């Protein structure tokens, strides 16, 4: 699928969410990071706060995360939170 992100969100408690999104917004240590398809690869430390996933069906999923990291590579986004839950 062109123009989408494969996203997996995990924490110490296990997998929180897995699916396809059009956009991901995550808190990082010095602000917020928006991720769109075809983004350059990156690795960033997560901050504390709310993460928003915009799914391909137009829904928004919200998660509260507390530290960890986010990795983006070839439209695959992996969020590994120290702790997190859907809010």
PDB file of N, CA and C in Angstrom:
ATOM      1  N   UNK A   1       0.834  -1.186   0.000  1.00  0.00           N
ATOM      2  CA  UNK A   1       0.000   0.000   0.000  1.00  0.00           C
ATOM      3  C   UNK A   1       0.877   1.246   0.000  1.00  0.00           C
ATOM      4  N   UNK A   2       0.705   2.118  -0.967  1.00  0.00           N
ATOM      5  CA  UNK A   2       1.482   3.345  -1.014  1.00  0.00           C
ATOM      6  C   UNK A   2       0.849   4.404  -0.129  1.00  0.00           C
ATOM      7  N   UNK A   3       1.688   5.207   0.507  1.00  0.00           N
ATOM      8  CA  UNK A   3       1.190   6.307   1.299  1.00  0.00           C
ATOM      9  C   UNK A   3       0.669   5.947   2.674  1.00  0.00           C
ATOM     10  N   UNK A   4       1.090   4.809   3.219  1.00  0.00           N
ATOM     11  CA  UNK A   4       0.665   4.432   4.566  1.00  0.00           C
ATOM     12  C   UNK A   4       1.878   3.989   5.380  1.00  0.00           C
ATOM     13  N   UNK A   5       1.670   3.930   6.686  1.00  0.00           N
ATOM     14  CA  UNK A   5       2.699   3.486   7.623  1.00  0.00           C
ATOM     15  C   UNK A   5       2.248   2.205   8.306  1.00  0.00           C
ATOM     16  N   UNK A   6       3.119   1.228   8.375  1.00  0.00           N
ATOM     17  CA  UNK A   6       2.880   0.042   9.188  1.00  0.00           C
ATOM     18  C   UNK A   6       3.353   0.400  10.587  1.00  0.00           C
ATOM     19  N   UNK A   7       2.485   0.284  11.580  1.00  0.00           N
ATOM     20  CA  UNK A   7       2.804   0.763  12.919  1.00  0.00           C
ATOM     21  C   UNK A   7       2.629  -0.356  13.944  1.00  0.00           C
ATOM     22  N   UNK A   8       3.608  -0.472  14.826  1.00  0.00           N
ATOM     23  CA  UNK A   8       3.503  -1.384  15.959  1.00  0.00           C
ATOM     24  C   UNK A   8       3.869  -0.609  17.217  1.00  0.00           C
ATOM     25  N   UNK A   9       2.997  -0.723  18.233  1.00  0.00           N
ATOM     26  CA  UNK A   9       3.208  -0.051  19.513  1.00  0.00           C
ATOM     27  C   UNK A   9       3.296  -1.130  20.586  1.00  0.00           C
ATOM     28  N   UNK A  10       4.430  -1.176  21.292  1.00  0.00           N
ATOM     29  CA  UNK A  10       4.628  -2.163  22.342  1.00  0.00           C
ATOM     30  C   UNK A  10       5.118  -1.483  23.612  1.00  0.00           C
ATOM     31  N   UNK A  11       4.876  -2.154  24.734  1.00  0.00           N
ATOM     32  CA  UNK A  11       5.401  -1.691  26.019  1.00  0.00           C
ATOM     33  C   UNK A  11       5.800  -2.921  26.811  1.00  0.00           C
ATOM     34  N   UNK A  12       6.247  -2.706  28.026  1.00  0.00           N
ATOM     35  CA  UNK A  12       6.625  -3.831  28.882  1.00  0.00           C
ATOM     36  C   UNK A  12       5.446  -4.770  29.125  1.00  0.00           C
ATOM     37  N   UNK A  13       4.230  -4.234  29.049  1.00  0.00           N
ATOM     38  CA  UNK A  13       3.029  -5.040  29.254  1.00  0.00           C
ATOM     39  C   UNK A  13       2.683  -5.910  28.046  1.00  0.00           C
ATOM     40  N   UNK A  14       3.274  -5.626  26.883  1.00  0.00           N
ATOM     41  CA  UNK A  14       2.998  -6.384  25.659  1.00  0.00           C
ATOM     42  C   UNK A  14       2.604  -5.461  24.516  1.00  0.00           C
ATOM     43  N   UNK A  15       2.061  -6.042  23.444  1.00  0.00           N
ATOM     44  CA  UNK A  15       1.661  -5.262  22.278  1.00  0.00           C
ATOM     45  C   UNK A  15       0.408  -4.468  22.605  1.00  0.00           C
ATOM     46  N   UNK A  16       0.480  -3.157  22.363  1.00  0.00           N
ATOM     47  CA  UNK A  16      -0.665  -2.288  22.600  1.00  0.00           C
ATOM     48  C   UNK A  16      -1.502  -2.095  21.346  1.00  0.00           C
ATOM     49  N   UNK A  17      -0.829  -2.065  20.176  1.00  0.00           N
ATOM     50  CA  UNK A  17      -1.552  -1.864  18.923  1.00  0.00           C
ATOM     51  C   UNK A  17      -0.647  -2.227  17.752  1.00  0.00           C
ATOM     52  N   UNK A  18      -1.271  -2.698  16.671  1.00  0.00           N
ATOM     53  CA  UNK A  18      -0.555  -3.033  15.450  1.00  0.00           C
ATOM     54  C   UNK A  18      -1.505  -2.780  14.297  1.00  0.00           C
ATOM     55  N   UNK A  19      -1.063  -2.058  13.279  1.00  0.00           N
ATOM     56  CA  UNK A  19      -1.940  -1.804  12.140  1.00  0.00           C
ATOM     57  C   UNK A  19      -1.345  -0.804  11.170  1.00  0.00           C
ATOM     58  N   UNK A  20      -2.225  -0.237  10.347  1.00  0.00           N
ATOM     59  CA  UNK A  20      -1.823   0.672   9.280  1.00  0.00           C
ATOM     60  C   UNK A  20      -2.361   2.065   9.589  1.00  0.00           C
ATOM     61  N   UNK A  21      -1.502   3.074   9.423  1.00  0.00           N
ATOM     62  CA  UNK A  21      -1.876   4.461   9.702  1.00  0.00           C
ATOM     63  C   UNK A  21      -1.453   5.368   8.550  1.00  0.00           C
ATOM     64  N   UNK A  22      -2.063   6.541   8.531  1.00  0.00           N
ATOM     65  CA  UNK A  22      -1.663   7.568   7.575  1.00  0.00           C
ATOM     66  C   UNK A  22      -0.722   8.579   8.216  1.00  0.00           C
ATOM     67  N   UNK A  23      -0.763   8.669   9.558  1.00  0.00           N
ATOM     68  CA  UNK A  23       0.064   9.630  10.282  1.00  0.00           C
ATOM     69  C   UNK A  23       0.219   9.174  11.727  1.00  0.00           C
ATOM     70  N   UNK A  24       1.380   9.474  12.303  1.00  0.00           N
ATOM     71  CA  UNK A  24       1.651   9.165  13.710  1.00  0.00           C
ATOM     72  C   UNK A  24       2.230  10.419  14.360  1.00  0.00           C
ATOM     73  N   UNK A  25       1.742  10.747  15.542  1.00  0.00           N
ATOM     74  CA  UNK A  25       2.253  11.886  16.315  1.00  0.00           C
ATOM     75  C   UNK A  25       2.725  11.341  17.653  1.00  0.00           C
ATOM     76  N   UNK A  26       4.008  11.556  18.001  1.00  0.00           N
ATOM     77  CA  UNK A  26       4.555  11.036  19.255  1.00  0.00           C
ATOM     78  C   UNK A  26       5.223  12.156  20.050  1.00  0.00           C
ATOM     79  N   UNK A  27       5.168  12.048  21.400  1.00  0.00           N
ATOM     80  CA  UNK A  27       5.909  13.006  22.218  1.00  0.00           C
ATOM     81  C   UNK A  27       7.383  12.600  22.252  1.00  0.00           C
ATOM     82  N   UNK A  28       8.273  13.562  22.087  1.00  0.00           N
ATOM     83  CA  UNK A  28       9.705  13.287  22.221  1.00  0.00           C
ATOM     84  C   UNK A  28      10.240  14.188  23.336  1.00  0.00           C
ATOM     85  N   UNK A  29      11.489  14.033  23.668  1.00  0.00           N
ATOM     86  CA  UNK A  29      12.042  14.728  24.831  1.00  0.00           C
ATOM     87  C   UNK A  29      11.947  16.245  24.745  1.00  0.00           C
ATOM     88  N   UNK A  30      12.051  16.807  23.557  1.00  0.00           N
ATOM     89  CA  UNK A  30      12.029  18.262  23.439  1.00  0.00           C
ATOM     90  C   UNK A  30      10.853  18.775  22.612  1.00  0.00           C
ATOM     91  N   UNK A  31       9.729  18.042  22.623  1.00  0.00           N
ATOM     92  CA  UNK A  31       8.552  18.512  21.892  1.00  0.00           C
ATOM     93  C   UNK A  31       7.707  17.372  21.374  1.00  0.00           C
ATOM     94  N   UNK A  32       7.345  17.475  20.106  1.00  0.00           N
ATOM     95  CA  UNK A  32       6.474  16.491  19.474  1.00  0.00           C
ATOM     96  C   UNK A  32       6.998  16.199  18.076  1.00  0.00           C
ATOM     97  N   UNK A  33       6.783  14.984  17.599  1.00  0.00           N
ATOM     98  CA  UNK A  33       7.267  14.572  16.288  1.00  0.00           C
ATOM     99  C   UNK A  33       6.113  14.002  15.478  1.00  0.00           C
ATOM    100  N   UNK A  34       5.887  14.562  14.290  1.00  0.00           N
ATOM    101  CA  UNK A  34       4.894  14.039  13.367  1.00  0.00           C
ATOM    102  C   UNK A  34       5.569  13.158  12.335  1.00  0.00           C
ATOM    103  N   UNK A  35       4.981  11.991  12.085  1.00  0.00           N
ATOM    104  CA  UNK A  35       5.568  11.038  11.139  1.00  0.00           C
ATOM    105  C   UNK A  35       4.561  10.778  10.031  1.00  0.00           C
ATOM    106  N   UNK A  36       4.980  11.011   8.788  1.00  0.00           N
ATOM    107  CA  UNK A  36       4.174  10.753   7.604  1.00  0.00           C
ATOM    108  C   UNK A  36       4.866   9.706   6.742  1.00  0.00           C
ATOM    109  N   UNK A  37       4.148   9.088   5.805  1.00  0.00           N
ATOM    110  CA  UNK A  37       4.790   8.114   4.910  1.00  0.00           C
ATOM    111  C   UNK A  37       5.974   8.735   4.163  1.00  0.00           C
ATOM    112  N   UNK A  38       6.945   7.894   3.838  1.00  0.00           N
ATOM    113  CA  UNK A  38       8.163   8.240   3.100  1.00  0.00           C
ATOM    114  C   UNK A  38       9.112   9.144   3.889  1.00  0.00           C
ATOM    115  N   UNK A  39       9.002   9.138   5.210  1.00  0.00           N
ATOM    116  CA  UNK A  39       9.903   9.917   6.065  1.00  0.00           C
ATOM    117  C   UNK A  39      11.286   9.288   6.061  1.00  0.00           C
ATOM    118  N   UNK A  40      12.283  10.105   6.210  1.00  0.00           N
ATOM    119  CA  UNK A  40      13.652   9.603   6.345  1.00  0.00           C
ATOM    120  C   UNK A  40      13.741   8.718   7.590  1.00  0.00           C
ATOM    121  N   UNK A  41      14.582   7.701   7.579  1.00  0.00           N
ATOM    122  CA  UNK A  41      14.754   6.856   8.769  1.00  0.00           C
ATOM    123  C   UNK A  41      15.205   7.697   9.968  1.00  0.00           C
ATOM    124  N   UNK A  42      14.724   7.313  11.149  1.00  0.00           N
ATOM    125  CA  UNK A  42      15.130   8.022  12.351  1.00  0.00           C
ATOM    126  C   UNK A  42      14.939   7.139  13.572  1.00  0.00           C
ATOM    127  N   UNK A  43      15.630   7.515  14.627  1.00  0.00           N
ATOM    128  CA  UNK A  43      15.485   6.891  15.938  1.00  0.00           C
ATOM    129  C   UNK A  43      15.454   8.041  16.930  1.00  0.00           C
ATOM    130  N   UNK A  44      14.390   8.102  17.756  1.00  0.00           N
ATOM    131  CA  UNK A  44      14.249   9.208  18.708  1.00  0.00           C
ATOM    132  C   UNK A  44      13.770   8.684  20.051  1.00  0.00           C
ATOM    133  N   UNK A  45      14.186   9.365  21.109  1.00  0.00           N
ATOM    134  CA  UNK A  45      13.734   9.025  22.464  1.00  0.00           C
ATOM    135  C   UNK A  45      12.334   9.594  22.683  1.00  0.00           C
ATOM    136  N   UNK A  46      11.452   8.758  23.237  1.00  0.00           N
ATOM    137  CA  UNK A  46      10.097   9.206  23.561  1.00  0.00           C
ATOM    138  C   UNK A  46      10.111  10.013  24.850  1.00  0.00           C
ATOM    139  N   UNK A  47       9.252  10.995  24.893  1.00  0.00           N
ATOM    140  CA  UNK A  47       9.014  11.723  26.130  1.00  0.00           C
ATOM    141  C   UNK A  47       7.791  11.125  26.810  1.00  0.00           C
ATOM    142  N   UNK A  48       7.228  11.864  27.736  1.00  0.00           N
ATOM    143  CA  UNK A  48       5.999  11.453  28.409  1.00  0.00           C
ATOM    144  C   UNK A  48       4.854  12.250  27.816  1.00  0.00           C
ATOM    145  N   UNK A  49       3.742  11.579  27.517  1.00  0.00           N
ATOM    146  CA  UNK A  49       2.593  12.300  26.985  1.00  0.00           C
ATOM    147  C   UNK A  49       1.727  11.430  26.109  1.00  0.00           C
ATOM    148  N   UNK A  50       0.955  12.102  25.239  1.00  0.00           N
ATOM    149  CA  UNK A  50      -0.007  11.399  24.405  1.00  0.00           C
ATOM    150  C   UNK A  50       0.514  11.204  22.990  1.00  0.00           C
ATOM    151  N   UNK A  51       0.327   9.994  22.486  1.00  0.00           N
ATOM    152  CA  UNK A  51       0.657   9.639  21.122  1.00  0.00           C
ATOM    153  C   UNK A  51      -0.660   9.477  20.366  1.00  0.00           C
ATOM    154  N   UNK A  52      -0.725   9.965  19.128  1.00  0.00           N
ATOM    155  CA  UNK A  52      -1.943   9.865  18.335  1.00  0.00           C
ATOM    156  C   UNK A  52      -1.637   9.133  17.035  1.00  0.00           C
ATOM    157  N   UNK A  53      -2.448   8.130  16.729  1.00  0.00           N
ATOM    158  CA  UNK A  53      -2.351   7.382  15.478  1.00  0.00           C
ATOM    159  C   UNK A  53      -3.574   7.710  14.638  1.00  0.00           C
ATOM    160  N   UNK A  54      -3.378   8.130  13.398  1.00  0.00           N
ATOM    161  CA  UNK A  54      -4.482   8.368  12.469  1.00  0.00           C
ATOM    162  C   UNK A  54      -4.575   7.155  11.561  1.00  0.00           C
ATOM    163  N   UNK A  55      -5.611   6.345  11.753  1.00  0.00           N
ATOM    164  CA  UNK A  55      -5.745   5.103  10.996  1.00  0.00           C
ATOM    165  C   UNK A  55      -6.311   5.369   9.606  1.00  0.00           C
ATOM    166  N   UNK A  56      -6.186   4.385   8.725  1.00  0.00           N
ATOM    167  CA  UNK A  56      -6.630   4.552   7.344  1.00  0.00           C
ATOM    168  C   UNK A  56      -8.139   4.658   7.205  1.00  0.00           C
ATOM    169  N   UNK A  57      -8.887   4.269   8.233  1.00  0.00           N
ATOM    170  CA  UNK A  57     -10.352   4.395   8.182  1.00  0.00           C
ATOM    171  C   UNK A  57     -10.845   5.714   8.785  1.00  0.00           C
ATOM    172  N   UNK A  58      -9.923   6.656   9.032  1.00  0.00           N
ATOM    173  CA  UNK A  58     -10.287   7.977   9.515  1.00  0.00           C
ATOM    174  C   UNK A  58     -10.407   8.096  11.024  1.00  0.00           C
ATOM    175  N   UNK A  59     -10.155   7.033  11.758  1.00  0.00           N
ATOM    176  CA  UNK A  59     -10.227   7.064  13.215  1.00  0.00           C
ATOM    177  C   UNK A  59      -8.911   7.581  13.797  1.00  0.00           C
ATOM    178  N   UNK A  60      -8.989   8.086  15.011  1.00  0.00           N
ATOM    179  CA  UNK A  60      -7.789   8.477  15.756  1.00  0.00           C
ATOM    180  C   UNK A  60      -7.723   7.625  17.011  1.00  0.00           C
ATOM    181  N   UNK A  61      -6.553   7.021  17.235  1.00  0.00           N
ATOM    182  CA  UNK A  61      -6.301   6.224  18.437  1.00  0.00           C
ATOM    183  C   UNK A  61      -5.304   6.990  19.280  1.00  0.00           C
ATOM    184  N   UNK A  62      -5.578   7.079  20.581  1.00  0.00           N
ATOM    185  CA  UNK A  62      -4.726   7.834  21.491  1.00  0.00           C
ATOM    186  C   UNK A  62      -4.130   6.898  22.537  1.00  0.00           C
ATOM    187  N   UNK A  63      -2.831   7.064  22.789  1.00  0.00           N
ATOM    188  CA  UNK A  63      -2.115   6.278  23.781  1.00  0.00           C
ATOM    189  C   UNK A  63      -1.320   7.226  24.661  1.00  0.00           C
ATOM    190  N   UNK A  64      -1.287   6.947  25.938  1.00  0.00           N
ATOM    191  CA  UNK A  64      -0.428   7.681  26.854  1.00  0.00           C
ATOM    192  C   UNK A  64       0.831   6.856  27.043  1.00  0.00           C
ATOM    193  N   UNK A  65       1.979   7.461  26.765  1.00  0.00           N
ATOM    194  CA  UNK A  65       3.248   6.745  26.861  1.00  0.00           C
ATOM    195  C   UNK A  65       4.168   7.450  27.848  1.00  0.00           C
ATOM    196  N   UNK A  66       5.076   6.673  28.413  1.00  0.00           N
ATOM    197  CA  UNK A  66       6.005   7.179  29.416  1.00  0.00           C
ATOM    198  C   UNK A  66       7.411   6.707  29.064  1.00  0.00           C
ATOM    199  N   UNK A  67       8.106   7.478  28.234  1.00  0.00           N
ATOM    200  CA  UNK A  67       9.480   7.148  27.858  1.00  0.00           C
ATOM    201  C   UNK A  67       9.573   5.981  26.906  1.00  0.00           C
ATOM    202  N   UNK A  68      10.782   5.728  26.415  1.00  0.00           N
ATOM    203  CA  UNK A  68      11.045   4.662  25.461  1.00  0.00           C
ATOM    204  C   UNK A  68      11.686   5.232  24.212  1.00  0.00           C
ATOM    205  N   UNK A  69      11.365   4.648  23.043  1.00  0.00           N
ATOM    206  CA  UNK A  69      11.903   5.184  21.792  1.00  0.00           C
ATOM    207  C   UNK A  69      10.956   4.902  20.640  1.00  0.00           C
ATOM    208  N   UNK A  70      11.146   5.639  19.551  1.00  0.00           N
ATOM    209  CA  UNK A  70      10.401   5.430  18.310  1.00  0.00           C
ATOM    210  C   UNK A  70      11.426   5.263  17.195  1.00  0.00           C
ATOM    211  N   UNK A  71      11.159   4.295  16.319  1.00  0.00           N
ATOM    212  CA  UNK A  71      12.024   4.010  15.184  1.00  0.00           C
ATOM    213  C   UNK A  71      11.192   4.071  13.904  1.00  0.00           C
ATOM    214  N   UNK A  72      11.744   4.731  12.878  1.00  0.00           N
ATOM    215  CA  UNK A  72      11.081   4.798  11.575  1.00  0.00           C
ATOM    216  C   UNK A  72      12.071   4.314  10.529  1.00  0.00           C
ATOM    217  N   UNK A  73      11.638   3.360   9.693  1.00  0.00           N
ATOM    218  CA  UNK A  73      12.485   2.866   8.612  1.00  0.00           C
ATOM    219  C   UNK A  73      11.599   2.271   7.528  1.00  0.00           C
ATOM    220  N   UNK A  74      11.680   2.814   6.323  1.00  0.00           N
ATOM    221  CA  UNK A  74      10.928   2.309   5.164  1.00  0.00           C
ATOM    222  C   UNK A  74       9.435   2.181   5.444  1.00  0.00           C
ATOM    223  N   UNK A  75       8.844   3.227   6.010  1.00  0.00           N
ATOM    224  CA  UNK A  75       7.409   3.283   6.333  1.00  0.00           C
ATOM    225  C   UNK A  75       6.972   2.268   7.380  1.00  0.00           C
ATOM    226  N   UNK A  76       7.917   1.744   8.157  1.00  0.00           N
ATOM    227  CA  UNK A  76       7.608   0.915   9.318  1.00  0.00           C
ATOM    228  C   UNK A  76       7.939   1.740  10.561  1.00  0.00           C
ATOM    229  N   UNK A  77       6.951   1.930  11.413  1.00  0.00           N
ATOM    230  CA  UNK A  77       7.121   2.708  12.635  1.00  0.00           C
ATOM    231  C   UNK A  77       6.982   1.760  13.819  1.00  0.00           C
ATOM    232  N   UNK A  78       7.998   1.737  14.657  1.00  0.00           N
ATOM    233  CA  UNK A  78       7.961   0.920  15.868  1.00  0.00           C
ATOM    234  C   UNK A  78       8.088   1.849  17.063  1.00  0.00           C
ATOM    235  N   UNK A  79       7.102   1.772  17.961  1.00  0.00           N
ATOM    236  CA  UNK A  79       7.119   2.563  19.183  1.00  0.00           C
ATOM    237  C   UNK A  79       7.292   1.580  20.341  1.00  0.00           C
ATOM    238  N   UNK A  80       8.372   1.749  21.088  1.00  0.00           N
ATOM    239  CA  UNK A  80       8.641   0.907  22.258  1.00  0.00           C
ATOM    240  C   UNK A  80       8.595   1.823  23.473  1.00  0.00           C
ATOM    241  N   UNK A  81       7.509   1.725  24.230  1.00  0.00           N
ATOM    242  CA  UNK A  81       7.317   2.587  25.392  1.00  0.00           C
ATOM    243  C   UNK A  81       7.699   1.855  26.667  1.00  0.00           C
ATOM    244  N   UNK A  82       8.294   2.579  27.617  1.00  0.00           N
ATOM    245  CA  UNK A  82       8.583   1.976  28.917  1.00  0.00           C
ATOM    246  C   UNK A  82       7.286   1.516  29.552  1.00  0.00           C
ATOM    247  N   UNK A  83       6.261   2.347  29.448  1.00  0.00           N
ATOM    248  CA  UNK A  83       4.911   1.957  29.865  1.00  0.00           C
ATOM    249  C   UNK A  83       3.941   2.736  28.998  1.00  0.00           C
ATOM    250  N   UNK A  84       2.754   2.183  28.835  1.00  0.00           N
ATOM    251  CA  UNK A  84       1.768   2.853  28.006  1.00  0.00           C
ATOM    252  C   UNK A  84       0.417   2.178  28.089  1.00  0.00           C
ATOM    253  N   UNK A  85      -0.620   2.935  27.726  1.00  0.00           N
ATOM    254  CA  UNK A  85      -1.967   2.411  27.687  1.00  0.00           C
ATOM    255  C   UNK A  85      -2.799   3.250  26.735  1.00  0.00           C
ATOM    256  N   UNK A  86      -3.866   2.652  26.193  1.00  0.00           N
ATOM    257  CA  UNK A  86      -4.753   3.390  25.312  1.00  0.00           C
ATOM    258  C   UNK A  86      -5.611   4.304  26.158  1.00  0.00           C
ATOM    259  N   UNK A  87      -5.703   5.565  25.736  1.00  0.00           N
ATOM    260  CA  UNK A  87      -6.466   6.542  26.514  1.00  0.00           C
ATOM    261  C   UNK A  87      -7.654   7.073  25.734  1.00  0.00           C
TER     262      UNK A  87
END
